[in-house]
Amino acid sequence: MRVAPPRVNAQPSPAPRPSAGTPESDVYRQTAFLLGADMDAVLDLLAIEGAVAEASAAAKYRKPAAAVALAFWSQSWLARLDALHAVQWGRYPAAAVLVRAAADAQAAMQAVLAVGDDAVADWAARSIALRPDVHALELRLEPARSGETLARDDELGDVYRQATVFAMPSYSAALLFEGGDTNTERLAVSFGERAFHLGLAELNLGWLLRLALRQVDVVSAAGRFAPLDPDRRAAAERAARAALARDDRCRMERVELEGVDRWLIRNWRRQPGAAAKRFLL
């Protein structure tokens, strides 16, 4: 089976500016002002990935495993771009779901690259067929083995597990998306909240930076795609790592309490200058 030239449209752009007076307009402004460097770092890394994907459309890179890997890569790339847009518009619950999906797609990409061309060609031979009895092209469902990759890849798996805390329905996630104003004396909830929240924005942007850094490493080491521009990569990685290294950044970490692994969220604040909170999940 031949591999057709891929269609590549991989120039990332920030979310469009919302109309004045909408709930999103204020969060858009504050995100750009307070976290513009984070956003730029995410976009720079996405642009680097897009440039490599475009260069990898050349004939010498068109192999079965690389083609399917590119499809999973595209899913992750688009999910991360949409997650960035969701952060810019204050839609933090949607961003967490997209981050989790992006990590899953990156794990699937790694799994495809690991099995190689012969295994992918075998899958295509048994799974893609004409079905005249139902007048359809058959594409048998066969999940990529992303779970094994998430267990093996510490960085990718950590982002996936952190995002899952917010992406899957739970009492604690529902209350945190409100802004974390619940305490032992009252339950604070909201509906359709799209107000700026520094902690939620930093968590999501941090996950996006970590996923992009990991993806650039994987693509560079795979030997299946066009080479990266080393100077451009180095500059983008420096900016991303500097953003992630900020001491006051909201972050999640594992802690063991009474023999049980728990998540501890540090530096949670709605606005800069507010007193930082901690949450144990």
Protein backbone atom coordinates (compact mmCIF):
# COMPACT_ATOMS: atom_id res chain seq x y z
CA MET A 1 0.00 0.00 0.00
CA ARG A 2 1.44 3.36 -1.00
CA VAL A 3 1.48 6.34 1.35
CA ALA A 4 -0.12 9.46 -0.14
CA PRO A 5 1.50 12.87 0.39
CA PRO A 6 0.09 14.26 3.64
CA ARG A 7 -1.84 17.51 3.66
CA VAL A 8 -0.14 19.76 6.20
CA ASN A 9 -1.60 23.02 7.50
CA ALA A 10 0.34 23.60 10.68
CA GLN A 11 0.76 27.32 11.30
CA PRO A 12 -0.54 27.96 14.83
CA SER A 13 -2.25 31.18 15.82
CA PRO A 14 -3.64 32.52 19.09
CA ALA A 15 -7.36 32.62 19.76
CA PRO A 16 -9.24 35.50 18.10
CA ARG A 17 -10.03 38.47 20.30
CA PRO A 18 -13.56 38.15 21.72
CA SER A 19 -16.08 40.93 21.30
CA ALA A 20 -15.97 43.71 23.87
CA GLY A 21 -18.32 43.21 26.78
CA THR A 22 -18.45 39.41 26.51
CA PRO A 23 -17.44 37.20 29.46
CA GLU A 24 -14.33 36.16 27.54
CA SER A 25 -13.03 39.66 26.81
CA ASP A 26 -11.57 40.30 30.27
CA VAL A 27 -9.96 36.88 30.66
CA TYR A 28 -8.46 37.24 27.18
CA ARG A 29 -6.89 40.56 28.15
CA GLN A 30 -5.56 39.34 31.50
CA THR A 31 -4.14 36.12 30.07
CA ALA A 32 -2.23 38.05 27.42
CA PHE A 33 -0.93 40.58 29.95
CA LEU A 34 0.05 38.20 32.75
CA LEU A 35 0.93 35.02 30.85
CA GLY A 36 1.95 36.30 27.43
CA ALA A 37 5.39 34.70 27.68
CA ASP A 38 3.84 31.31 28.41
CA MET A 39 1.47 31.65 25.47
CA ASP A 40 4.29 32.69 23.14
CA ALA A 41 6.38 29.71 24.24
CA VAL A 42 3.51 27.31 23.52
CA LEU A 43 2.94 28.85 20.08
CA ASP A 44 6.66 28.81 19.24
CA LEU A 45 6.93 25.09 20.01
CA LEU A 46 3.75 24.35 18.05
CA ALA A 47 5.21 26.29 15.11
CA ILE A 48 8.42 24.25 15.29
CA GLU A 49 6.39 21.04 15.23
CA GLY A 50 4.39 22.35 12.29
CA ALA A 51 7.53 23.18 10.33
CA VAL A 52 8.88 19.66 10.87
CA ALA A 53 5.56 18.10 9.87
CA GLU A 54 5.50 20.17 6.69
CA ALA A 55 9.07 19.21 5.78
CA SER A 56 8.26 15.58 6.53
CA ALA A 57 5.72 15.50 3.69
CA ALA A 58 8.65 14.81 1.34
CA ALA A 59 8.65 11.42 -0.38
CA LYS A 60 11.56 9.94 1.60
CA TYR A 61 9.59 10.22 4.85
CA ARG A 62 6.42 8.56 3.53
CA LYS A 63 6.49 5.22 5.31
CA PRO A 64 3.53 3.41 6.91
CA ALA A 65 4.54 3.96 10.54
CA ALA A 66 5.48 7.60 9.95
CA ALA A 67 2.17 8.25 8.19
CA VAL A 68 0.02 6.87 11.01
CA ALA A 69 2.27 8.53 13.59
CA LEU A 70 1.75 11.83 11.78
CA ALA A 71 -2.01 11.36 12.11
CA PHE A 72 -1.76 10.90 15.89
CA TRP A 73 0.71 13.80 16.07
CA SER A 74 -1.81 16.00 14.25
CA GLN A 75 -4.49 15.05 16.79
CA SER A 76 -2.24 16.08 19.65
CA TRP A 77 -1.13 19.29 17.90
CA LEU A 78 -4.70 20.40 17.24
CA ALA A 79 -5.86 19.46 20.74
CA ARG A 80 -3.03 21.49 22.26
CA LEU A 81 -3.79 24.49 20.05
CA ASP A 82 -7.46 24.31 21.01
CA ALA A 83 -6.48 23.97 24.68
CA LEU A 84 -4.45 27.16 24.39
CA HIS A 85 -7.45 28.92 22.87
CA ALA A 86 -9.66 27.59 25.67
CA VAL A 87 -7.26 29.05 28.25
CA GLN A 88 -7.29 32.41 26.47
CA TRP A 89 -11.09 32.45 26.65
CA GLY A 90 -11.31 31.23 30.26
CA ARG A 91 -12.74 27.82 29.38
CA TYR A 92 -10.51 25.89 31.75
CA PRO A 93 -12.60 22.69 32.00
CA ALA A 94 -12.44 22.28 28.22
CA ALA A 95 -8.69 22.95 28.24
CA ALA A 96 -8.03 20.12 30.71
CA VAL A 97 -10.00 17.65 28.58
CA LEU A 98 -8.03 18.70 25.50
CA VAL A 99 -4.69 18.41 27.31
CA ARG A 100 -5.54 14.86 28.38
CA ALA A 101 -6.55 13.95 24.81
CA ALA A 102 -3.32 15.46 23.48
CA ALA A 103 -1.20 13.39 25.86
CA ASP A 104 -3.11 10.26 24.85
CA ALA A 105 -2.51 10.98 21.15
CA GLN A 106 1.21 11.56 21.74
CA ALA A 107 1.42 8.23 23.54
CA ALA A 108 -0.33 6.55 20.60
CA MET A 109 2.17 8.15 18.23
CA GLN A 110 5.06 6.74 20.22
CA ALA A 111 3.44 3.30 20.21
CA VAL A 112 3.11 3.36 16.42
CA LEU A 113 6.73 4.41 15.95
CA ALA A 114 7.82 1.61 18.28
CA VAL A 115 6.08 -1.19 16.35
CA GLY A 116 7.43 -0.01 12.97
CA ASP A 117 6.46 -0.19 9.32
CA ASP A 118 5.80 -3.94 9.05
CA ALA A 119 3.31 -3.96 11.93
CA VAL A 120 1.48 -0.93 10.56
CA ALA A 121 1.37 -2.47 7.07
CA ASP A 122 -0.05 -5.68 8.60
CA TRP A 123 -2.70 -3.65 10.41
CA ALA A 124 -3.65 -1.90 7.16
CA ALA A 125 -3.88 -5.19 5.28
CA ARG A 126 -6.28 -6.77 7.78
CA SER A 127 -8.24 -3.67 8.78
CA ILE A 128 -8.87 -1.70 5.57
CA ALA A 129 -11.10 -3.41 3.04
CA LEU A 130 -14.00 -2.90 0.66
CA ARG A 131 -17.33 -4.15 2.02
CA PRO A 132 -19.74 -4.30 -0.91
CA ASP A 133 -22.35 -6.01 1.31
CA VAL A 134 -22.89 -2.70 3.14
CA HIS A 135 -21.52 -0.41 0.40
CA ALA A 136 -18.76 0.87 2.67
CA LEU A 137 -15.03 1.00 3.19
CA GLU A 138 -14.22 -1.00 6.30
CA LEU A 139 -11.82 0.50 8.85
CA ARG A 140 -11.65 -1.94 11.75
CA LEU A 141 -11.39 -0.33 15.16
CA GLU A 142 -8.06 -1.18 16.72
CA PRO A 143 -6.91 1.11 19.54
CA ALA A 144 -3.27 2.14 19.62
CA ARG A 145 -1.53 0.84 22.73
CA SER A 146 -1.08 4.24 24.34
CA GLY A 147 -1.48 2.96 27.91
CA GLU A 148 1.85 1.16 27.81
CA THR A 149 3.58 4.32 26.61
CA LEU A 150 1.97 6.43 29.32
CA ALA A 151 3.21 3.96 31.93
CA ARG A 152 6.73 3.95 30.51
CA ASP A 153 7.18 7.64 29.62
CA ASP A 154 7.45 9.43 32.97
CA GLU A 155 6.96 12.97 31.66
CA LEU A 156 4.09 12.19 29.30
CA GLY A 157 2.40 9.97 31.86
CA ASP A 158 2.68 12.59 34.60
CA VAL A 159 0.99 15.26 32.48
CA TYR A 160 -1.72 12.77 31.48
CA ARG A 161 -2.44 11.83 35.08
CA GLN A 162 -2.50 15.44 36.27
CA ALA A 163 -4.84 16.53 33.48
CA THR A 164 -7.05 13.51 34.16
CA VAL A 165 -7.69 14.83 37.68
CA PHE A 166 -9.43 17.82 36.08
CA ALA A 167 -10.74 16.15 32.90
CA MET A 168 -12.70 13.35 34.58
CA PRO A 169 -15.86 14.21 36.54
CA SER A 170 -15.20 14.44 40.27
CA TYR A 171 -16.47 16.51 43.18
CA SER A 172 -13.07 18.10 43.78
CA ALA A 173 -12.51 19.09 40.13
CA ALA A 174 -16.00 20.60 39.92
CA LEU A 175 -15.28 22.80 42.94
CA LEU A 176 -11.82 23.81 41.75
CA PHE A 177 -13.13 24.92 38.37
CA GLU A 178 -15.38 27.33 40.26
CA GLY A 179 -12.18 28.95 41.49
CA GLY A 180 -11.47 27.19 44.76
CA ASP A 181 -13.65 29.38 46.98
CA THR A 182 -15.23 26.40 48.75
CA ASN A 183 -14.21 25.91 52.37
CA THR A 184 -15.29 23.91 55.42
CA GLU A 185 -18.28 26.19 55.97
CA ARG A 186 -19.75 26.63 52.49
CA LEU A 187 -19.95 25.16 49.00
CA ALA A 188 -19.23 27.74 46.29
CA VAL A 189 -20.35 26.83 42.77
CA SER A 190 -20.88 28.63 39.48
CA PHE A 191 -22.36 28.04 36.03
CA GLY A 192 -20.69 29.05 32.79
CA GLU A 193 -17.78 30.69 34.63
CA ARG A 194 -15.32 32.33 32.25
CA ALA A 195 -13.46 34.63 34.62
CA PHE A 196 -9.68 34.79 34.66
CA HIS A 197 -8.03 32.44 37.15
CA LEU A 198 -4.24 32.57 37.39
CA GLY A 199 -3.86 29.13 38.96
CA LEU A 200 -5.99 27.30 36.40
CA ALA A 201 -4.33 29.15 33.52
CA GLU A 202 -0.83 28.34 34.81
CA LEU A 203 -1.67 24.68 35.31
CA ASN A 204 -3.01 24.29 31.77
CA LEU A 205 -0.23 26.29 30.13
CA GLY A 206 2.33 24.32 32.11
CA TRP A 207 0.90 21.06 30.82
CA LEU A 208 0.96 22.39 27.26
CA LEU A 209 4.60 23.43 27.58
CA ARG A 210 5.59 20.04 28.99
CA LEU A 211 3.74 18.16 26.24
CA ALA A 212 5.36 20.29 23.55
CA LEU A 213 8.85 19.81 24.97
CA ARG A 214 8.33 16.06 25.13
CA GLN A 215 6.94 15.93 21.61
CA VAL A 216 9.90 17.84 20.20
CA ASP A 217 12.24 15.34 21.90
CA VAL A 218 10.33 12.36 20.49
CA VAL A 219 10.15 13.73 16.96
CA SER A 220 13.84 14.60 17.00
CA ALA A 221 14.90 11.16 18.22
CA ALA A 222 12.55 9.12 16.03
CA GLY A 223 14.62 9.32 12.84
CA ARG A 224 11.35 9.24 10.89
CA PHE A 225 10.82 12.94 10.28
CA ALA A 226 12.66 15.95 8.90
CA PRO A 227 15.31 17.43 11.21
CA LEU A 228 14.53 20.36 13.49
CA ASP A 229 16.22 23.74 13.23
CA PRO A 230 18.65 23.46 16.18
CA ASP A 231 18.90 27.18 16.94
CA ARG A 232 15.16 27.72 16.78
CA ARG A 233 14.57 24.66 18.93
CA ALA A 234 17.11 25.73 21.55
CA ALA A 235 15.59 29.21 21.86
CA ALA A 236 12.05 27.86 22.18
CA GLU A 237 13.07 25.26 24.75
CA ARG A 238 14.90 27.86 26.85
CA ALA A 239 11.80 30.04 26.96
CA ALA A 240 9.55 27.10 27.84
CA ARG A 241 11.82 25.80 30.61
CA ALA A 242 12.21 29.29 32.06
CA ALA A 243 8.42 29.62 32.27
CA LEU A 244 8.08 26.22 33.92
CA ALA A 245 10.84 26.96 36.45
CA ARG A 246 9.14 29.99 38.04
CA ASP A 247 8.92 29.41 41.80
CA ASP A 248 5.54 31.12 42.12
CA ARG A 249 3.90 29.06 39.38
CA CYS A 250 0.81 27.02 40.24
CA ARG A 251 1.72 23.34 40.02
CA MET A 252 0.68 19.86 41.10
CA GLU A 253 2.89 17.32 42.80
CA ARG A 254 2.60 13.86 44.29
CA VAL A 255 2.75 13.50 48.07
CA GLU A 256 2.37 10.42 50.22
CA LEU A 257 0.10 10.74 53.24
CA GLU A 258 -0.73 7.81 55.49
CA GLY A 259 0.68 5.45 52.87
CA VAL A 260 -1.53 6.82 50.08
CA ASP A 261 -0.39 8.84 47.06
CA ARG A 262 -2.27 12.14 46.83
CA TRP A 263 -2.08 15.26 44.68
CA LEU A 264 -1.04 18.56 46.27
CA ILE A 265 -1.73 21.79 44.36
CA ARG A 266 0.53 24.71 45.30
CA ASN A 267 0.38 28.44 44.54
CA TRP A 268 -3.32 28.48 43.71
CA ARG A 269 -4.53 32.05 43.32
CA ARG A 270 -7.17 33.78 41.26
CA GLN A 271 -5.14 36.96 40.73
CA PRO A 272 -1.46 37.84 41.13
CA GLY A 273 -0.77 39.27 44.55
CA ALA A 274 -3.52 37.24 46.21
CA ALA A 275 -2.61 34.87 49.03
CA ALA A 276 -1.58 31.51 47.62
CA LYS A 277 -3.69 28.50 48.59
CA ARG A 278 -2.93 24.80 48.69
CA PHE A 279 -5.36 22.00 47.93
CA LEU A 280 -4.90 18.34 48.80
CA LEU A 281 -6.83 16.05 46.44
